Amino acid sequence: MKSWPVQDAKARFSELLKTCLEEGPQVVTKRGTDAAVLVPFGEWHRLQAANRPTMKELLLAASPRGVLQGPERGRLERRSPRKVT
């Protein structure tokens, strides 16, 4: 992976993009520290799909992934039943 200072990345973005598409991910640095990575879209999409759990993994998980919030019981007003005519 090639490293690009942010000033060079801004000034030569077309070259940065071309290098990314031909050689793979490119690192952009800010003040000498890694700040961002430019990745081809196909690889980004692949990484996102690999990071998403499958339905089977969600169902077999030991702990829940979230909490469902329903209305509090007993606080809703009840309507009287309609008369059938």
PDB file of N, CA and C in Angstrom:
ATOM      1  N   MET A   1       0.844  -1.173   0.000  1.00  0.00           N
ATOM      2  CA  MET A   1       0.000   0.000   0.000  1.00  0.00           C
ATOM      3  C   MET A   1       0.887   1.232   0.000  1.00  0.00           C
ATOM      4  N   LYS A   2       0.579   2.127  -0.894  1.00  0.00           N
ATOM      5  CA  LYS A   2       1.312   3.375  -0.976  1.00  0.00           C
ATOM      6  C   LYS A   2       0.690   4.386  -0.021  1.00  0.00           C
ATOM      7  N   SER A   3       1.517   5.244   0.521  1.00  0.00           N
ATOM      8  CA  SER A   3       1.047   6.261   1.452  1.00  0.00           C
ATOM      9  C   SER A   3       1.126   7.633   0.777  1.00  0.00           C
ATOM     10  N   TRP A   4       0.058   8.414   0.912  1.00  0.00           N
ATOM     11  CA  TRP A   4      -0.035   9.737   0.303  1.00  0.00           C
ATOM     12  C   TRP A   4      -0.271  10.789   1.390  1.00  0.00           C
ATOM     13  N   PRO A   5       0.580  11.814   1.474  1.00  0.00           N
ATOM     14  CA  PRO A   5       0.255  12.932   2.377  1.00  0.00           C
ATOM     15  C   PRO A   5      -1.027  13.616   1.882  1.00  0.00           C
ATOM     16  N   VAL A   6      -1.803  14.169   2.770  1.00  0.00           N
ATOM     17  CA  VAL A   6      -3.096  14.738   2.410  1.00  0.00           C
ATOM     18  C   VAL A   6      -2.961  15.842   1.351  1.00  0.00           C
ATOM     19  N   GLN A   7      -1.880  16.616   1.412  1.00  0.00           N
ATOM     20  CA  GLN A   7      -1.690  17.679   0.422  1.00  0.00           C
ATOM     21  C   GLN A   7      -1.534  17.076  -0.974  1.00  0.00           C
ATOM     22  N   ASP A   8      -0.737  15.989  -1.099  1.00  0.00           N
ATOM     23  CA  ASP A   8      -0.559  15.319  -2.393  1.00  0.00           C
ATOM     24  C   ASP A   8      -1.855  14.656  -2.847  1.00  0.00           C
ATOM     25  N   ALA A   9      -2.583  14.061  -1.908  1.00  0.00           N
ATOM     26  CA  ALA A   9      -3.842  13.391  -2.247  1.00  0.00           C
ATOM     27  C   ALA A   9      -4.838  14.390  -2.816  1.00  0.00           C
ATOM     28  N   LYS A  10      -4.895  15.588  -2.240  1.00  0.00           N
ATOM     29  CA  LYS A  10      -5.801  16.619  -2.741  1.00  0.00           C
ATOM     30  C   LYS A  10      -5.346  17.144  -4.097  1.00  0.00           C
ATOM     31  N   ALA A  11      -4.057  17.392  -4.235  1.00  0.00           N
ATOM     32  CA  ALA A  11      -3.543  17.981  -5.472  1.00  0.00           C
ATOM     33  C   ALA A  11      -3.549  16.994  -6.639  1.00  0.00           C
ATOM     34  N   ARG A  12      -3.355  15.706  -6.337  1.00  0.00           N
ATOM     35  CA  ARG A  12      -3.250  14.690  -7.392  1.00  0.00           C
ATOM     36  C   ARG A  12      -4.296  13.600  -7.208  1.00  0.00           C
ATOM     37  N   PHE A  13      -5.548  14.003  -6.947  1.00  0.00           N
ATOM     38  CA  PHE A  13      -6.599  13.028  -6.658  1.00  0.00           C
ATOM     39  C   PHE A  13      -6.825  12.049  -7.805  1.00  0.00           C
ATOM     40  N   SER A  14      -6.786  12.526  -9.042  1.00  0.00           N
ATOM     41  CA  SER A  14      -6.997  11.627 -10.186  1.00  0.00           C
ATOM     42  C   SER A  14      -5.947  10.520 -10.201  1.00  0.00           C
ATOM     43  N   GLU A  15      -4.712  10.887  -9.904  1.00  0.00           N
ATOM     44  CA  GLU A  15      -3.634   9.889  -9.861  1.00  0.00           C
ATOM     45  C   GLU A  15      -3.838   8.933  -8.684  1.00  0.00           C
ATOM     46  N   LEU A  16      -4.255   9.470  -7.537  1.00  0.00           N
ATOM     47  CA  LEU A  16      -4.544   8.633  -6.368  1.00  0.00           C
ATOM     48  C   LEU A  16      -5.638   7.622  -6.688  1.00  0.00           C
ATOM     49  N   LEU A  17      -6.698   8.086  -7.347  1.00  0.00           N
ATOM     50  CA  LEU A  17      -7.804   7.200  -7.705  1.00  0.00           C
ATOM     51  C   LEU A  17      -7.354   6.130  -8.700  1.00  0.00           C
ATOM     52  N   LYS A  18      -6.586   6.527  -9.707  1.00  0.00           N
ATOM     53  CA  LYS A  18      -6.095   5.575 -10.702  1.00  0.00           C
ATOM     54  C   LYS A  18      -5.204   4.516 -10.048  1.00  0.00           C
ATOM     55  N   THR A  19      -4.308   4.945  -9.158  1.00  0.00           N
ATOM     56  CA  THR A  19      -3.431   4.006  -8.451  1.00  0.00           C
ATOM     57  C   THR A  19      -4.241   3.054  -7.590  1.00  0.00           C
ATOM     58  N   CYS A  20      -5.277   3.576  -6.939  1.00  0.00           N
ATOM     59  CA  CYS A  20      -6.148   2.740  -6.106  1.00  0.00           C
ATOM     60  C   CYS A  20      -6.811   1.657  -6.941  1.00  0.00           C
ATOM     61  N   LEU A  21      -7.328   2.025  -8.106  1.00  0.00           N
ATOM     62  CA  LEU A  21      -8.019   1.054  -8.950  1.00  0.00           C
ATOM     63  C   LEU A  21      -7.064   0.023  -9.542  1.00  0.00           C
ATOM     64  N   GLU A  22      -5.818   0.423  -9.803  1.00  0.00           N
ATOM     65  CA  GLU A  22      -4.850  -0.492 -10.412  1.00  0.00           C
ATOM     66  C   GLU A  22      -4.080  -1.332  -9.391  1.00  0.00           C
ATOM     67  N   GLU A  23      -3.725  -0.732  -8.253  1.00  0.00           N
ATOM     68  CA  GLU A  23      -2.846  -1.409  -7.292  1.00  0.00           C
ATOM     69  C   GLU A  23      -3.522  -1.814  -5.994  1.00  0.00           C
ATOM     70  N   GLY A  24      -4.698  -1.276  -5.721  1.00  0.00           N
ATOM     71  CA  GLY A  24      -5.396  -1.618  -4.486  1.00  0.00           C
ATOM     72  C   GLY A  24      -5.453  -0.441  -3.530  1.00  0.00           C
ATOM     73  N   PRO A  25      -5.789  -0.694  -2.276  1.00  0.00           N
ATOM     74  CA  PRO A  25      -5.994   0.372  -1.292  1.00  0.00           C
ATOM     75  C   PRO A  25      -4.790   1.310  -1.158  1.00  0.00           C
ATOM     76  N   GLN A  26      -5.092   2.594  -0.945  1.00  0.00           N
ATOM     77  CA  GLN A  26      -4.078   3.625  -0.775  1.00  0.00           C
ATOM     78  C   GLN A  26      -4.340   4.349   0.541  1.00  0.00           C
ATOM     79  N   VAL A  27      -3.284   4.600   1.302  1.00  0.00           N
ATOM     80  CA  VAL A  27      -3.392   5.261   2.602  1.00  0.00           C
ATOM     81  C   VAL A  27      -3.152   6.759   2.432  1.00  0.00           C
ATOM     82  N   VAL A  28      -3.993   7.559   3.073  1.00  0.00           N
ATOM     83  CA  VAL A  28      -3.798   9.011   3.102  1.00  0.00           C
ATOM     84  C   VAL A  28      -3.385   9.372   4.520  1.00  0.00           C
ATOM     85  N   THR A  29      -2.270  10.119   4.636  1.00  0.00           N
ATOM     86  CA  THR A  29      -1.769  10.491   5.956  1.00  0.00           C
ATOM     87  C   THR A  29      -1.968  11.975   6.203  1.00  0.00           C
ATOM     88  N   LYS A  30      -2.150  12.313   7.461  1.00  0.00           N
ATOM     89  CA  LYS A  30      -2.278  13.708   7.867  1.00  0.00           C
ATOM     90  C   LYS A  30      -1.279  13.945   8.982  1.00  0.00           C
ATOM     91  N   ARG A  31      -0.324  14.816   8.720  1.00  0.00           N
ATOM     92  CA  ARG A  31       0.761  15.114   9.666  1.00  0.00           C
ATOM     93  C   ARG A  31       1.524  13.860  10.075  1.00  0.00           C
ATOM     94  N   GLY A  32       1.729  12.978   9.103  1.00  0.00           N
ATOM     95  CA  GLY A  32       2.537  11.782   9.340  1.00  0.00           C
ATOM     96  C   GLY A  32       1.806  10.593   9.925  1.00  0.00           C
ATOM     97  N   THR A  33       0.532  10.750  10.294  1.00  0.00           N
ATOM     98  CA  THR A  33      -0.234   9.627  10.843  1.00  0.00           C
ATOM     99  C   THR A  33      -1.312   9.200   9.855  1.00  0.00           C
ATOM    100  N   ASP A  34      -1.566   7.897   9.810  1.00  0.00           N
ATOM    101  CA  ASP A  34      -2.590   7.368   8.914  1.00  0.00           C
ATOM    102  C   ASP A  34      -3.945   7.975   9.270  1.00  0.00           C
ATOM    103  N   ALA A  35      -4.628   8.517   8.250  1.00  0.00           N
ATOM    104  CA  ALA A  35      -5.916   9.175   8.488  1.00  0.00           C
ATOM    105  C   ALA A  35      -7.059   8.487   7.766  1.00  0.00           C
ATOM    106  N   ALA A  36      -6.803   7.978   6.548  1.00  0.00           N
ATOM    107  CA  ALA A  36      -7.888   7.385   5.765  1.00  0.00           C
ATOM    108  C   ALA A  36      -7.301   6.402   4.758  1.00  0.00           C
ATOM    109  N   VAL A  37      -8.192   5.576   4.204  1.00  0.00           N
ATOM    110  CA  VAL A  37      -7.797   4.619   3.170  1.00  0.00           C
ATOM    111  C   VAL A  37      -8.771   4.747   2.018  1.00  0.00           C
ATOM    112  N   LEU A  38      -8.243   4.858   0.815  1.00  0.00           N
ATOM    113  CA  LEU A  38      -9.071   4.851  -0.386  1.00  0.00           C
ATOM    114  C   LEU A  38      -9.050   3.432  -0.926  1.00  0.00           C
ATOM    115  N   VAL A  39     -10.245   2.823  -1.028  1.00  0.00           N
ATOM    116  CA  VAL A  39     -10.372   1.417  -1.413  1.00  0.00           C
ATOM    117  C   VAL A  39     -11.268   1.320  -2.643  1.00  0.00           C
ATOM    118  N   PRO A  40     -10.945   0.436  -3.600  1.00  0.00           N
ATOM    119  CA  PRO A  40     -11.855   0.240  -4.734  1.00  0.00           C
ATOM    120  C   PRO A  40     -13.232  -0.206  -4.234  1.00  0.00           C
ATOM    121  N   PHE A  41     -14.295   0.224  -4.924  1.00  0.00           N
ATOM    122  CA  PHE A  41     -15.652  -0.040  -4.458  1.00  0.00           C
ATOM    123  C   PHE A  41     -15.951  -1.531  -4.334  1.00  0.00           C
ATOM    124  N   GLY A  42     -15.474  -2.335  -5.264  1.00  0.00           N
ATOM    125  CA  GLY A  42     -15.724  -3.777  -5.193  1.00  0.00           C
ATOM    126  C   GLY A  42     -15.178  -4.387  -3.913  1.00  0.00           C
ATOM    127  N   GLU A  43     -13.992  -3.966  -3.526  1.00  0.00           N
ATOM    128  CA  GLU A  43     -13.394  -4.480  -2.286  1.00  0.00           C
ATOM    129  C   GLU A  43     -14.154  -3.972  -1.071  1.00  0.00           C
ATOM    130  N   TRP A  44     -14.566  -2.709  -1.097  1.00  0.00           N
ATOM    131  CA  TRP A  44     -15.358  -2.143   0.005  1.00  0.00           C
ATOM    132  C   TRP A  44     -16.662  -2.915   0.184  1.00  0.00           C
ATOM    133  N   HIS A  45     -17.335  -3.201  -0.926  1.00  0.00           N
ATOM    134  CA  HIS A  45     -18.594  -3.945  -0.880  1.00  0.00           C
ATOM    135  C   HIS A  45     -18.358  -5.352  -0.317  1.00  0.00           C
ATOM    136  N   ARG A  46     -17.284  -5.997  -0.724  1.00  0.00           N
ATOM    137  CA  ARG A  46     -16.951  -7.332  -0.234  1.00  0.00           C
ATOM    138  C   ARG A  46     -16.692  -7.301   1.272  1.00  0.00           C
ATOM    139  N   LEU A  47     -15.959  -6.294   1.744  1.00  0.00           N
ATOM    140  CA  LEU A  47     -15.669  -6.166   3.173  1.00  0.00           C
ATOM    141  C   LEU A  47     -16.942  -5.917   3.982  1.00  0.00           C
ATOM    142  N   GLN A  48     -17.853  -5.106   3.453  1.00  0.00           N
ATOM    143  CA  GLN A  48     -19.112  -4.844   4.141  1.00  0.00           C
ATOM    144  C   GLN A  48     -19.953  -6.110   4.259  1.00  0.00           C
ATOM    145  N   ALA A  49     -20.019  -6.890   3.180  1.00  0.00           N
ATOM    146  CA  ALA A  49     -20.810  -8.127   3.192  1.00  0.00           C
ATOM    147  C   ALA A  49     -20.209  -9.149   4.144  1.00  0.00           C
ATOM    148  N   ALA A  50     -18.878  -9.208   4.210  1.00  0.00           N
ATOM    149  CA  ALA A  50     -18.215 -10.169   5.090  1.00  0.00           C
ATOM    150  C   ALA A  50     -18.403  -9.796   6.557  1.00  0.00           C
ATOM    151  N   ASN A  51     -18.610  -8.522   6.835  1.00  0.00           N
ATOM    152  CA  ASN A  51     -18.753  -8.055   8.208  1.00  0.00           C
ATOM    153  C   ASN A  51     -20.178  -8.222   8.738  1.00  0.00           C
ATOM    154  N   ARG A  52     -21.151  -8.414   7.864  1.00  0.00           N
ATOM    155  CA  ARG A  52     -22.552  -8.524   8.254  1.00  0.00           C
ATOM    156  C   ARG A  52     -22.849  -9.957   8.711  1.00  0.00           C
ATOM    157  N   PRO A  53     -23.453 -10.137   9.903  1.00  0.00           N
ATOM    158  CA  PRO A  53     -23.771 -11.497  10.354  1.00  0.00           C
ATOM    159  C   PRO A  53     -24.908 -12.100   9.522  1.00  0.00           C
ATOM    160  N   THR A  54     -24.887 -13.412   9.387  1.00  0.00           N
ATOM    161  CA  THR A  54     -25.943 -14.101   8.655  1.00  0.00           C
ATOM    162  C   THR A  54     -27.158 -14.285   9.567  1.00  0.00           C
ATOM    163  N   MET A  55     -28.295 -14.620   8.977  1.00  0.00           N
ATOM    164  CA  MET A  55     -29.510 -14.855   9.763  1.00  0.00           C
ATOM    165  C   MET A  55     -29.285 -16.004  10.745  1.00  0.00           C
ATOM    166  N   LYS A  56     -28.577 -17.037  10.316  1.00  0.00           N
ATOM    167  CA  LYS A  56     -28.295 -18.174  11.182  1.00  0.00           C
ATOM    168  C   LYS A  56     -27.486 -17.737  12.394  1.00  0.00           C
ATOM    169  N   GLU A  57     -26.471 -16.893  12.180  1.00  0.00           N
ATOM    170  CA  GLU A  57     -25.652 -16.414  13.292  1.00  0.00           C
ATOM    171  C   GLU A  57     -26.479 -15.569  14.261  1.00  0.00           C
ATOM    172  N   LEU A  58     -27.382 -14.762  13.720  1.00  0.00           N
ATOM    173  CA  LEU A  58     -28.235 -13.946  14.593  1.00  0.00           C
ATOM    174  C   LEU A  58     -29.161 -14.811  15.438  1.00  0.00           C
ATOM    175  N   LEU A  59     -29.751 -15.842  14.819  1.00  0.00           N
ATOM    176  CA  LEU A  59     -30.682 -16.699  15.552  1.00  0.00           C
ATOM    177  C   LEU A  59     -29.985 -17.568  16.591  1.00  0.00           C
ATOM    178  N   LEU A  60     -28.756 -17.961  16.332  1.00  0.00           N
ATOM    179  CA  LEU A  60     -28.025 -18.825  17.258  1.00  0.00           C
ATOM    180  C   LEU A  60     -27.197 -18.055  18.280  1.00  0.00           C
ATOM    181  N   ALA A  61     -27.205 -16.740  18.228  1.00  0.00           N
ATOM    182  CA  ALA A  61     -26.410 -15.929  19.146  1.00  0.00           C
ATOM    183  C   ALA A  61     -26.888 -16.125  20.577  1.00  0.00           C
ATOM    184  N   ALA A  62     -25.963 -16.122  21.505  1.00  0.00           N
ATOM    185  CA  ALA A  62     -26.287 -16.326  22.911  1.00  0.00           C
ATOM    186  C   ALA A  62     -26.988 -15.112  23.513  1.00  0.00           C
ATOM    187  N   SER A  63     -26.665 -13.935  23.041  1.00  0.00           N
ATOM    188  CA  SER A  63     -27.280 -12.734  23.595  1.00  0.00           C
ATOM    189  C   SER A  63     -28.018 -11.970  22.492  1.00  0.00           C
ATOM    190  N   PRO A  64     -29.050 -11.219  22.864  1.00  0.00           N
ATOM    191  CA  PRO A  64     -29.792 -10.457  21.857  1.00  0.00           C
ATOM    192  C   PRO A  64     -28.953  -9.319  21.295  1.00  0.00           C
ATOM    193  N   ARG A  65     -29.244  -8.912  20.063  1.00  0.00           N
ATOM    194  CA  ARG A  65     -28.493  -7.829  19.431  1.00  0.00           C
ATOM    195  C   ARG A  65     -29.149  -6.475  19.662  1.00  0.00           C
ATOM    196  N   GLY A  66     -30.316  -6.463  20.248  1.00  0.00           N
ATOM    197  CA  GLY A  66     -31.000  -5.197  20.487  1.00  0.00           C
ATOM    198  C   GLY A  66     -32.183  -5.413  21.406  1.00  0.00           C
ATOM    199  N   VAL A  67     -32.803  -4.335  21.793  1.00  0.00           N
ATOM    200  CA  VAL A  67     -33.964  -4.387  22.677  1.00  0.00           C
ATOM    201  C   VAL A  67     -35.153  -3.822  21.920  1.00  0.00           C
ATOM    202  N   LEU A  68     -36.244  -4.564  21.923  1.00  0.00           N
ATOM    203  CA  LEU A  68     -37.466  -4.088  21.286  1.00  0.00           C
ATOM    204  C   LEU A  68     -38.255  -3.260  22.289  1.00  0.00           C
ATOM    205  N   GLN A  69     -38.657  -2.088  21.869  1.00  0.00           N
ATOM    206  CA  GLN A  69     -39.434  -1.217  22.745  1.00  0.00           C
ATOM    207  C   GLN A  69     -40.897  -1.263  22.326  1.00  0.00           C
ATOM    208  N   GLY A  70     -41.739  -1.742  23.202  1.00  0.00           N
ATOM    209  CA  GLY A  70     -43.171  -1.777  22.948  1.00  0.00           C
ATOM    210  C   GLY A  70     -43.872  -0.781  23.856  1.00  0.00           C
ATOM    211  N   PRO A  71     -45.147  -0.549  23.638  1.00  0.00           N
ATOM    212  CA  PRO A  71     -45.853   0.381  24.524  1.00  0.00           C
ATOM    213  C   PRO A  71     -45.973  -0.204  25.931  1.00  0.00           C
ATOM    214  N   GLU A  72     -45.991   0.666  26.911  1.00  0.00           N
ATOM    215  CA  GLU A  72     -46.146   0.199  28.288  1.00  0.00           C
ATOM    216  C   GLU A  72     -47.554  -0.353  28.459  1.00  0.00           C
ATOM    217  N   ARG A  73     -47.677  -1.447  29.163  1.00  0.00           N
ATOM    218  CA  ARG A  73     -48.979  -2.080  29.342  1.00  0.00           C
ATOM    219  C   ARG A  73     -49.801  -1.314  30.361  1.00  0.00           C
ATOM    220  N   GLY A  74     -51.109  -1.243  30.104  1.00  0.00           N
ATOM    221  CA  GLY A  74     -52.036  -0.646  31.053  1.00  0.00           C
ATOM    222  C   GLY A  74     -52.170   0.862  30.930  1.00  0.00           C
ATOM    223  N   ARG A  75     -51.370   1.491  30.116  1.00  0.00           N
ATOM    224  CA  ARG A  75     -51.449   2.941  30.004  1.00  0.00           C
ATOM    225  C   ARG A  75     -52.301   3.380  28.824  1.00  0.00           C
ATOM    226  N   LEU A  76     -52.664   2.448  27.974  1.00  0.00           N
ATOM    227  CA  LEU A  76     -53.478   2.792  26.807  1.00  0.00           C
ATOM    228  C   LEU A  76     -54.951   2.812  27.190  1.00  0.00           C
ATOM    229  N   GLU A  77     -55.687   3.741  26.614  1.00  0.00           N
ATOM    230  CA  GLU A  77     -57.118   3.790  26.864  1.00  0.00           C
ATOM    231  C   GLU A  77     -57.805   2.771  25.974  1.00  0.00           C
ATOM    232  N   ARG A  78     -58.733   2.079  26.521  1.00  0.00           N
ATOM    233  CA  ARG A  78     -59.433   1.062  25.769  1.00  0.00           C
ATOM    234  C   ARG A  78     -60.728   1.640  25.215  1.00  0.00           C
ATOM    235  N   ARG A  79     -61.058   1.222  24.013  1.00  0.00           N
ATOM    236  CA  ARG A  79     -62.311   1.648  23.393  1.00  0.00           C
ATOM    237  C   ARG A  79     -63.390   0.647  23.747  1.00  0.00           C
ATOM    238  N   SER A  80     -64.602   1.136  23.857  1.00  0.00           N
ATOM    239  CA  SER A  80     -65.704   0.213  24.119  1.00  0.00           C
ATOM    240  C   SER A  80     -66.032  -0.491  22.817  1.00  0.00           C
ATOM    241  N   PRO A  81     -66.481  -1.744  22.882  1.00  0.00           N
ATOM    242  CA  PRO A  81     -66.777  -2.512  21.675  1.00  0.00           C
ATOM    243  C   PRO A  81     -67.933  -1.883  20.902  1.00  0.00           C
ATOM    244  N   ARG A  82     -67.832  -1.992  19.585  1.00  0.00           N
ATOM    245  CA  ARG A  82     -68.911  -1.463  18.738  1.00  0.00           C
ATOM    246  C   ARG A  82     -70.092  -2.403  18.759  1.00  0.00           C
ATOM    247  N   LYS A  83     -71.269  -1.851  18.664  1.00  0.00           N
ATOM    248  CA  LYS A  83     -72.481  -2.666  18.617  1.00  0.00           C
ATOM    249  C   LYS A  83     -72.724  -3.067  17.176  1.00  0.00           C
ATOM    250  N   VAL A  84     -72.993  -4.333  16.966  1.00  0.00           N
ATOM    251  CA  VAL A  84     -73.263  -4.839  15.638  1.00  0.00           C
ATOM    252  C   VAL A  84     -74.743  -4.679  15.350  1.00  0.00           C
ATOM    253  N   THR A  85     -75.075  -4.077  14.244  1.00  0.00           N
ATOM    254  CA  THR A  85     -76.493  -3.885  13.907  1.00  0.00           C
ATOM    255  C   THR A  85     -76.883  -4.682  12.698  1.00  0.00           C
TER     256      THR A  85
END
